[in-house]
Amino acid sequence: MKGFPAVKKKRNEILQLAALNPKLAILDETDSGLDIDALKIVSEGVNRLRNPDRSFILVTHIRECSITLRPILCTF
């Protein structure tokens, strides 16, 4: 996906996540390279995938990302 904007790459990663339907998803710096508007788009996609049968581990350095993704437990 060379040459694509960061938001397009991240949206494709979320699409793959939806297609694979894992029980545990590790999102490592999903916010990397995104502005606040793009972060909201990606966060909405992740939030749509949330359900009682799926767990997420979110690694981020941006507090706004963890707030946007409606965390259950947050450690800073």
PDB file of N, CA and C in Angstrom:
ATOM      1  N   MET A   1       0.832  -1.187   0.000  1.00  0.00           N
ATOM      2  CA  MET A   1       0.000   0.000   0.000  1.00  0.00           C
ATOM      3  C   MET A   1       0.868   1.239   0.000  1.00  0.00           C
ATOM      4  N   LYS A   2       1.981   1.143  -0.650  1.00  0.00           N
ATOM      5  CA  LYS A   2       2.893   2.272  -0.728  1.00  0.00           C
ATOM      6  C   LYS A   2       2.241   3.411  -1.509  1.00  0.00           C
ATOM      7  N   GLY A   3       2.399   4.617  -1.013  1.00  0.00           N
ATOM      8  CA  GLY A   3       1.859   5.781  -1.697  1.00  0.00           C
ATOM      9  C   GLY A   3       0.447   6.166  -1.276  1.00  0.00           C
ATOM     10  N   PHE A   4      -0.217   5.352  -0.483  1.00  0.00           N
ATOM     11  CA  PHE A   4      -1.551   5.676  -0.018  1.00  0.00           C
ATOM     12  C   PHE A   4      -1.460   6.540   1.233  1.00  0.00           C
ATOM     13  N   PRO A   5      -2.428   7.444   1.436  1.00  0.00           N
ATOM     14  CA  PRO A   5      -2.447   8.237   2.666  1.00  0.00           C
ATOM     15  C   PRO A   5      -2.619   7.322   3.879  1.00  0.00           C
ATOM     16  N   ALA A   6      -2.148   7.789   5.027  1.00  0.00           N
ATOM     17  CA  ALA A   6      -2.200   6.987   6.258  1.00  0.00           C
ATOM     18  C   ALA A   6      -3.616   6.559   6.600  1.00  0.00           C
ATOM     19  N   VAL A   7      -4.593   7.445   6.398  1.00  0.00           N
ATOM     20  CA  VAL A   7      -5.972   7.097   6.768  1.00  0.00           C
ATOM     21  C   VAL A   7      -6.479   5.940   5.915  1.00  0.00           C
ATOM     22  N   LYS A   8      -6.115   5.886   4.658  1.00  0.00           N
ATOM     23  CA  LYS A   8      -6.540   4.777   3.784  1.00  0.00           C
ATOM     24  C   LYS A   8      -5.923   3.469   4.254  1.00  0.00           C
ATOM     25  N   LYS A   9      -4.653   3.499   4.638  1.00  0.00           N
ATOM     26  CA  LYS A   9      -3.981   2.299   5.135  1.00  0.00           C
ATOM     27  C   LYS A   9      -4.654   1.801   6.407  1.00  0.00           C
ATOM     28  N   LYS A  10      -4.949   2.722   7.314  1.00  0.00           N
ATOM     29  CA  LYS A  10      -5.562   2.346   8.583  1.00  0.00           C
ATOM     30  C   LYS A  10      -6.975   1.802   8.369  1.00  0.00           C
ATOM     31  N   ARG A  11      -7.728   2.402   7.445  1.00  0.00           N
ATOM     32  CA  ARG A  11      -9.074   1.917   7.156  1.00  0.00           C
ATOM     33  C   ARG A  11      -9.019   0.503   6.595  1.00  0.00           C
ATOM     34  N   ASN A  12      -8.020   0.218   5.770  1.00  0.00           N
ATOM     35  CA  ASN A  12      -7.854  -1.137   5.241  1.00  0.00           C
ATOM     36  C   ASN A  12      -7.484  -2.122   6.342  1.00  0.00           C
ATOM     37  N   GLU A  13      -6.683  -1.684   7.313  1.00  0.00           N
ATOM     38  CA  GLU A  13      -6.346  -2.549   8.442  1.00  0.00           C
ATOM     39  C   GLU A  13      -7.602  -2.900   9.240  1.00  0.00           C
ATOM     40  N   ILE A  14      -8.490  -1.940   9.428  1.00  0.00           N
ATOM     41  CA  ILE A  14      -9.740  -2.182  10.154  1.00  0.00           C
ATOM     42  C   ILE A  14     -10.642  -3.112   9.343  1.00  0.00           C
ATOM     43  N   LEU A  15     -10.660  -2.952   8.030  1.00  0.00           N
ATOM     44  CA  LEU A  15     -11.431  -3.839   7.162  1.00  0.00           C
ATOM     45  C   LEU A  15     -10.916  -5.276   7.280  1.00  0.00           C
ATOM     46  N   GLN A  16      -9.602  -5.447   7.296  1.00  0.00           N
ATOM     47  CA  GLN A  16      -9.014  -6.776   7.478  1.00  0.00           C
ATOM     48  C   GLN A  16      -9.396  -7.348   8.837  1.00  0.00           C
ATOM     49  N   LEU A  17      -9.389  -6.509   9.846  1.00  0.00           N
ATOM     50  CA  LEU A  17      -9.780  -6.931  11.186  1.00  0.00           C
ATOM     51  C   LEU A  17     -11.217  -7.453  11.174  1.00  0.00           C
ATOM     52  N   ALA A  18     -12.096  -6.755  10.487  1.00  0.00           N
ATOM     53  CA  ALA A  18     -13.493  -7.181  10.402  1.00  0.00           C
ATOM     54  C   ALA A  18     -13.616  -8.504   9.647  1.00  0.00           C
ATOM     55  N   ALA A  19     -12.840  -8.667   8.591  1.00  0.00           N
ATOM     56  CA  ALA A  19     -12.913  -9.881   7.780  1.00  0.00           C
ATOM     57  C   ALA A  19     -12.363 -11.101   8.528  1.00  0.00           C
ATOM     58  N   LEU A  20     -11.292 -10.907   9.294  1.00  0.00           N
ATOM     59  CA  LEU A  20     -10.667 -12.023  10.003  1.00  0.00           C
ATOM     60  C   LEU A  20     -11.416 -12.417  11.278  1.00  0.00           C
ATOM     61  N   ASN A  21     -12.136 -11.458  11.854  1.00  0.00           N
ATOM     62  CA  ASN A  21     -12.968 -11.688  13.029  1.00  0.00           C
ATOM     63  C   ASN A  21     -12.222 -12.397  14.173  1.00  0.00           C
ATOM     64  N   PRO A  22     -11.095 -11.837  14.618  1.00  0.00           N
ATOM     65  CA  PRO A  22     -10.347 -12.490  15.694  1.00  0.00           C
ATOM     66  C   PRO A  22     -11.022 -12.292  17.055  1.00  0.00           C
ATOM     67  N   LYS A  23     -10.726 -13.182  17.984  1.00  0.00           N
ATOM     68  CA  LYS A  23     -11.231 -13.025  19.358  1.00  0.00           C
ATOM     69  C   LYS A  23     -10.403 -12.001  20.125  1.00  0.00           C
ATOM     70  N   LEU A  24      -9.133 -11.848  19.736  1.00  0.00           N
ATOM     71  CA  LEU A  24      -8.248 -10.860  20.347  1.00  0.00           C
ATOM     72  C   LEU A  24      -7.556 -10.087  19.241  1.00  0.00           C
ATOM     73  N   ALA A  25      -7.682  -8.771  19.272  1.00  0.00           N
ATOM     74  CA  ALA A  25      -7.026  -7.908  18.286  1.00  0.00           C
ATOM     75  C   ALA A  25      -6.048  -6.993  19.011  1.00  0.00           C
ATOM     76  N   ILE A  26      -4.818  -6.978  18.544  1.00  0.00           N
ATOM     77  CA  ILE A  26      -3.806  -6.086  19.104  1.00  0.00           C
ATOM     78  C   ILE A  26      -3.612  -4.933  18.131  1.00  0.00           C
ATOM     79  N   LEU A  27      -3.965  -3.740  18.567  1.00  0.00           N
ATOM     80  CA  LEU A  27      -3.852  -2.544  17.733  1.00  0.00           C
ATOM     81  C   LEU A  27      -2.649  -1.753  18.225  1.00  0.00           C
ATOM     82  N   ASP A  28      -1.558  -1.857  17.499  1.00  0.00           N
ATOM     83  CA  ASP A  28      -0.304  -1.229  17.891  1.00  0.00           C
ATOM     84  C   ASP A  28      -0.142   0.107  17.176  1.00  0.00           C
ATOM     85  N   GLU A  29      -0.317   1.178  17.917  1.00  0.00           N
ATOM     86  CA  GLU A  29      -0.199   2.545  17.405  1.00  0.00           C
ATOM     87  C   GLU A  29      -1.035   2.762  16.142  1.00  0.00           C
ATOM     88  N   THR A  30      -2.303   2.408  16.243  1.00  0.00           N
ATOM     89  CA  THR A  30      -3.240   2.607  15.143  1.00  0.00           C
ATOM     90  C   THR A  30      -3.359   4.084  14.789  1.00  0.00           C
ATOM     91  N   ASP A  31      -3.020   4.957  15.732  1.00  0.00           N
ATOM     92  CA  ASP A  31      -3.113   6.404  15.539  1.00  0.00           C
ATOM     93  C   ASP A  31      -1.925   6.986  14.780  1.00  0.00           C
ATOM     94  N   SER A  32      -0.918   6.190  14.500  1.00  0.00           N
ATOM     95  CA  SER A  32       0.314   6.679  13.872  1.00  0.00           C
ATOM     96  C   SER A  32       0.048   7.310  12.511  1.00  0.00           C
ATOM     97  N   GLY A  33       0.465   8.556  12.362  1.00  0.00           N
ATOM     98  CA  GLY A  33       0.346   9.255  11.090  1.00  0.00           C
ATOM     99  C   GLY A  33      -1.025   9.823  10.794  1.00  0.00           C
ATOM    100  N   LEU A  34      -1.927   9.804  11.751  1.00  0.00           N
ATOM    101  CA  LEU A  34      -3.286  10.293  11.512  1.00  0.00           C
ATOM    102  C   LEU A  34      -3.519  11.642  12.171  1.00  0.00           C
ATOM    103  N   ASP A  35      -4.265  12.502  11.485  1.00  0.00           N
ATOM    104  CA  ASP A  35      -4.704  13.739  12.119  1.00  0.00           C
ATOM    105  C   ASP A  35      -5.968  13.422  12.922  1.00  0.00           C
ATOM    106  N   ILE A  36      -6.500  14.382  13.625  1.00  0.00           N
ATOM    107  CA  ILE A  36      -7.628  14.135  14.531  1.00  0.00           C
ATOM    108  C   ILE A  36      -8.877  13.673  13.786  1.00  0.00           C
ATOM    109  N   ASP A  37      -9.124  14.203  12.581  1.00  0.00           N
ATOM    110  CA  ASP A  37     -10.299  13.784  11.807  1.00  0.00           C
ATOM    111  C   ASP A  37     -10.158  12.344  11.337  1.00  0.00           C
ATOM    112  N   ALA A  38      -8.978  11.980  10.863  1.00  0.00           N
ATOM    113  CA  ALA A  38      -8.734  10.607  10.416  1.00  0.00           C
ATOM    114  C   ALA A  38      -8.800   9.651  11.601  1.00  0.00           C
ATOM    115  N   LEU A  39      -8.328  10.090  12.748  1.00  0.00           N
ATOM    116  CA  LEU A  39      -8.378   9.263  13.952  1.00  0.00           C
ATOM    117  C   LEU A  39      -9.821   8.949  14.324  1.00  0.00           C
ATOM    118  N   LYS A  40     -10.700   9.915  14.176  1.00  0.00           N
ATOM    119  CA  LYS A  40     -12.119   9.690  14.468  1.00  0.00           C
ATOM    120  C   LYS A  40     -12.717   8.656  13.518  1.00  0.00           C
ATOM    121  N   ILE A  41     -12.348   8.702  12.241  1.00  0.00           N
ATOM    122  CA  ILE A  41     -12.850   7.738  11.254  1.00  0.00           C
ATOM    123  C   ILE A  41     -12.412   6.326  11.620  1.00  0.00           C
ATOM    124  N   VAL A  42     -11.143   6.171  11.924  1.00  0.00           N
ATOM    125  CA  VAL A  42     -10.611   4.854  12.287  1.00  0.00           C
ATOM    126  C   VAL A  42     -11.229   4.380  13.607  1.00  0.00           C
ATOM    127  N   SER A  43     -11.377   5.275  14.561  1.00  0.00           N
ATOM    128  CA  SER A  43     -11.968   4.916  15.858  1.00  0.00           C
ATOM    129  C   SER A  43     -13.407   4.434  15.700  1.00  0.00           C
ATOM    130  N   GLU A  44     -14.154   5.085  14.823  1.00  0.00           N
ATOM    131  CA  GLU A  44     -15.535   4.657  14.572  1.00  0.00           C
ATOM    132  C   GLU A  44     -15.570   3.233  14.030  1.00  0.00           C
ATOM    133  N   GLY A  45     -14.632   2.913  13.131  1.00  0.00           N
ATOM    134  CA  GLY A  45     -14.556   1.556  12.587  1.00  0.00           C
ATOM    135  C   GLY A  45     -14.252   0.532  13.659  1.00  0.00           C
ATOM    136  N   VAL A  46     -13.314   0.848  14.533  1.00  0.00           N
ATOM    137  CA  VAL A  46     -12.960  -0.067  15.626  1.00  0.00           C
ATOM    138  C   VAL A  46     -14.139  -0.207  16.591  1.00  0.00           C
ATOM    139  N   ASN A  47     -14.786   0.889  16.915  1.00  0.00           N
ATOM    140  CA  ASN A  47     -15.924   0.837  17.843  1.00  0.00           C
ATOM    141  C   ASN A  47     -17.066  -0.008  17.292  1.00  0.00           C
ATOM    142  N   ARG A  48     -17.260   0.002  15.972  1.00  0.00           N
ATOM    143  CA  ARG A  48     -18.302  -0.826  15.361  1.00  0.00           C
ATOM    144  C   ARG A  48     -17.990  -2.317  15.499  1.00  0.00           C
ATOM    145  N   LEU A  49     -16.716  -2.649  15.602  1.00  0.00           N
ATOM    146  CA  LEU A  49     -16.307  -4.056  15.704  1.00  0.00           C
ATOM    147  C   LEU A  49     -16.339  -4.587  17.134  1.00  0.00           C
ATOM    148  N   ARG A  50     -16.571  -3.714  18.081  1.00  0.00           N
ATOM    149  CA  ARG A  50     -16.589  -4.148  19.481  1.00  0.00           C
ATOM    150  C   ARG A  50     -17.818  -5.012  19.756  1.00  0.00           C
ATOM    151  N   ASN A  51     -17.584  -6.107  20.475  1.00  0.00           N
ATOM    152  CA  ASN A  51     -18.677  -6.951  20.934  1.00  0.00           C
ATOM    153  C   ASN A  51     -18.164  -7.790  22.106  1.00  0.00           C
ATOM    154  N   PRO A  52     -19.055  -8.450  22.834  1.00  0.00           N
ATOM    155  CA  PRO A  52     -18.627  -9.210  24.017  1.00  0.00           C
ATOM    156  C   PRO A  52     -17.678 -10.374  23.703  1.00  0.00           C
ATOM    157  N   ASP A  53     -17.636 -10.829  22.458  1.00  0.00           N
ATOM    158  CA  ASP A  53     -16.791 -11.960  22.084  1.00  0.00           C
ATOM    159  C   ASP A  53     -15.421 -11.550  21.566  1.00  0.00           C
ATOM    160  N   ARG A  54     -15.130 -10.254  21.514  1.00  0.00           N
ATOM    161  CA  ARG A  54     -13.853  -9.785  20.969  1.00  0.00           C
ATOM    162  C   ARG A  54     -13.186  -8.854  21.974  1.00  0.00           C
ATOM    163  N   SER A  55     -11.889  -9.050  22.164  1.00  0.00           N
ATOM    164  CA  SER A  55     -11.100  -8.199  23.057  1.00  0.00           C
ATOM    165  C   SER A  55     -10.076  -7.429  22.240  1.00  0.00           C
ATOM    166  N   PHE A  56      -9.747  -6.240  22.702  1.00  0.00           N
ATOM    167  CA  PHE A  56      -8.755  -5.396  22.043  1.00  0.00           C
ATOM    168  C   PHE A  56      -7.658  -5.032  23.030  1.00  0.00           C
ATOM    169  N   ILE A  57      -6.435  -5.051  22.550  1.00  0.00           N
ATOM    170  CA  ILE A  57      -5.318  -4.456  23.266  1.00  0.00           C
ATOM    171  C   ILE A  57      -4.897  -3.268  22.418  1.00  0.00           C
ATOM    172  N   LEU A  58      -4.970  -2.087  22.997  1.00  0.00           N
ATOM    173  CA  LEU A  58      -4.666  -0.860  22.284  1.00  0.00           C
ATOM    174  C   LEU A  58      -3.360  -0.276  22.813  1.00  0.00           C
ATOM    175  N   VAL A  59      -2.385  -0.128  21.920  1.00  0.00           N
ATOM    176  CA  VAL A  59      -1.113   0.497  22.262  1.00  0.00           C
ATOM    177  C   VAL A  59      -1.100   1.862  21.580  1.00  0.00           C
ATOM    178  N   THR A  60      -1.020   2.920  22.388  1.00  0.00           N
ATOM    179  CA  THR A  60      -1.023   4.266  21.830  1.00  0.00           C
ATOM    180  C   THR A  60      -0.259   5.209  22.753  1.00  0.00           C
ATOM    181  N   HIS A  61       0.218   6.294  22.180  1.00  0.00           N
ATOM    182  CA  HIS A  61       0.880   7.339  22.959  1.00  0.00           C
ATOM    183  C   HIS A  61       0.034   8.609  22.983  1.00  0.00           C
ATOM    184  N   ILE A  62      -1.136   8.532  22.361  1.00  0.00           N
ATOM    185  CA  ILE A  62      -2.012   9.698  22.259  1.00  0.00           C
ATOM    186  C   ILE A  62      -3.248   9.457  23.111  1.00  0.00           C
ATOM    187  N   ARG A  63      -3.426  10.264  24.119  1.00  0.00           N
ATOM    188  CA  ARG A  63      -4.551  10.099  25.046  1.00  0.00           C
ATOM    189  C   ARG A  63      -5.897  10.198  24.326  1.00  0.00           C
ATOM    190  N   GLU A  64      -6.016  11.076  23.342  1.00  0.00           N
ATOM    191  CA  GLU A  64      -7.273  11.256  22.620  1.00  0.00           C
ATOM    192  C   GLU A  64      -7.707   9.973  21.921  1.00  0.00           C
ATOM    193  N   CYS A  65      -6.760   9.179  21.483  1.00  0.00           N
ATOM    194  CA  CYS A  65      -7.083   7.915  20.827  1.00  0.00           C
ATOM    195  C   CYS A  65      -7.781   6.981  21.798  1.00  0.00           C
ATOM    196  N   SER A  66      -7.273   6.878  22.993  1.00  0.00           N
ATOM    197  CA  SER A  66      -7.881   5.984  23.970  1.00  0.00           C
ATOM    198  C   SER A  66      -9.255   6.484  24.404  1.00  0.00           C
ATOM    199  N   ILE A  67      -9.460   7.777  24.414  1.00  0.00           N
ATOM    200  CA  ILE A  67     -10.770   8.336  24.764  1.00  0.00           C
ATOM    201  C   ILE A  67     -11.766   8.069  23.648  1.00  0.00           C
ATOM    202  N   THR A  68     -11.345   8.265  22.409  1.00  0.00           N
ATOM    203  CA  THR A  68     -12.213   8.081  21.251  1.00  0.00           C
ATOM    204  C   THR A  68     -12.638   6.629  21.099  1.00  0.00           C
ATOM    205  N   LEU A  69     -11.799   5.691  21.532  1.00  0.00           N
ATOM    206  CA  LEU A  69     -12.094   4.275  21.371  1.00  0.00           C
ATOM    207  C   LEU A  69     -12.864   3.667  22.544  1.00  0.00           C
ATOM    208  N   ARG A  70     -13.450   4.485  23.390  1.00  0.00           N
ATOM    209  CA  ARG A  70     -14.278   4.029  24.500  1.00  0.00           C
ATOM    210  C   ARG A  70     -13.644   2.868  25.261  1.00  0.00           C
ATOM    211  N   PRO A  71     -12.544   3.112  25.928  1.00  0.00           N
ATOM    212  CA  PRO A  71     -11.888   2.013  26.635  1.00  0.00           C
ATOM    213  C   PRO A  71     -12.653   1.560  27.875  1.00  0.00           C
ATOM    214  N   ILE A  72     -12.456   0.324  28.216  1.00  0.00           N
ATOM    215  CA  ILE A  72     -12.993  -0.194  29.473  1.00  0.00           C
ATOM    216  C   ILE A  72     -12.005   0.096  30.602  1.00  0.00           C
ATOM    217  N   LEU A  73     -10.719  -0.123  30.328  1.00  0.00           N
ATOM    218  CA  LEU A  73      -9.673   0.110  31.303  1.00  0.00           C
ATOM    219  C   LEU A  73      -8.545   0.862  30.605  1.00  0.00           C
ATOM    220  N   CYS A  74      -8.104   1.937  31.188  1.00  0.00           N
ATOM    221  CA  CYS A  74      -7.038   2.752  30.588  1.00  0.00           C
ATOM    222  C   CYS A  74      -5.934   2.970  31.595  1.00  0.00           C
ATOM    223  N   THR A  75      -4.709   2.742  31.193  1.00  0.00           N
ATOM    224  CA  THR A  75      -3.552   2.999  32.044  1.00  0.00           C
ATOM    225  C   THR A  75      -2.618   3.938  31.321  1.00  0.00           C
ATOM    226  N   PHE A  76      -2.252   5.020  31.973  1.00  0.00           N
ATOM    227  CA  PHE A  76      -1.334   5.997  31.357  1.00  0.00           C
ATOM    228  C   PHE A  76      -0.038   6.014  32.099  1.00  0.00           C
TER     229      PHE A  76
END
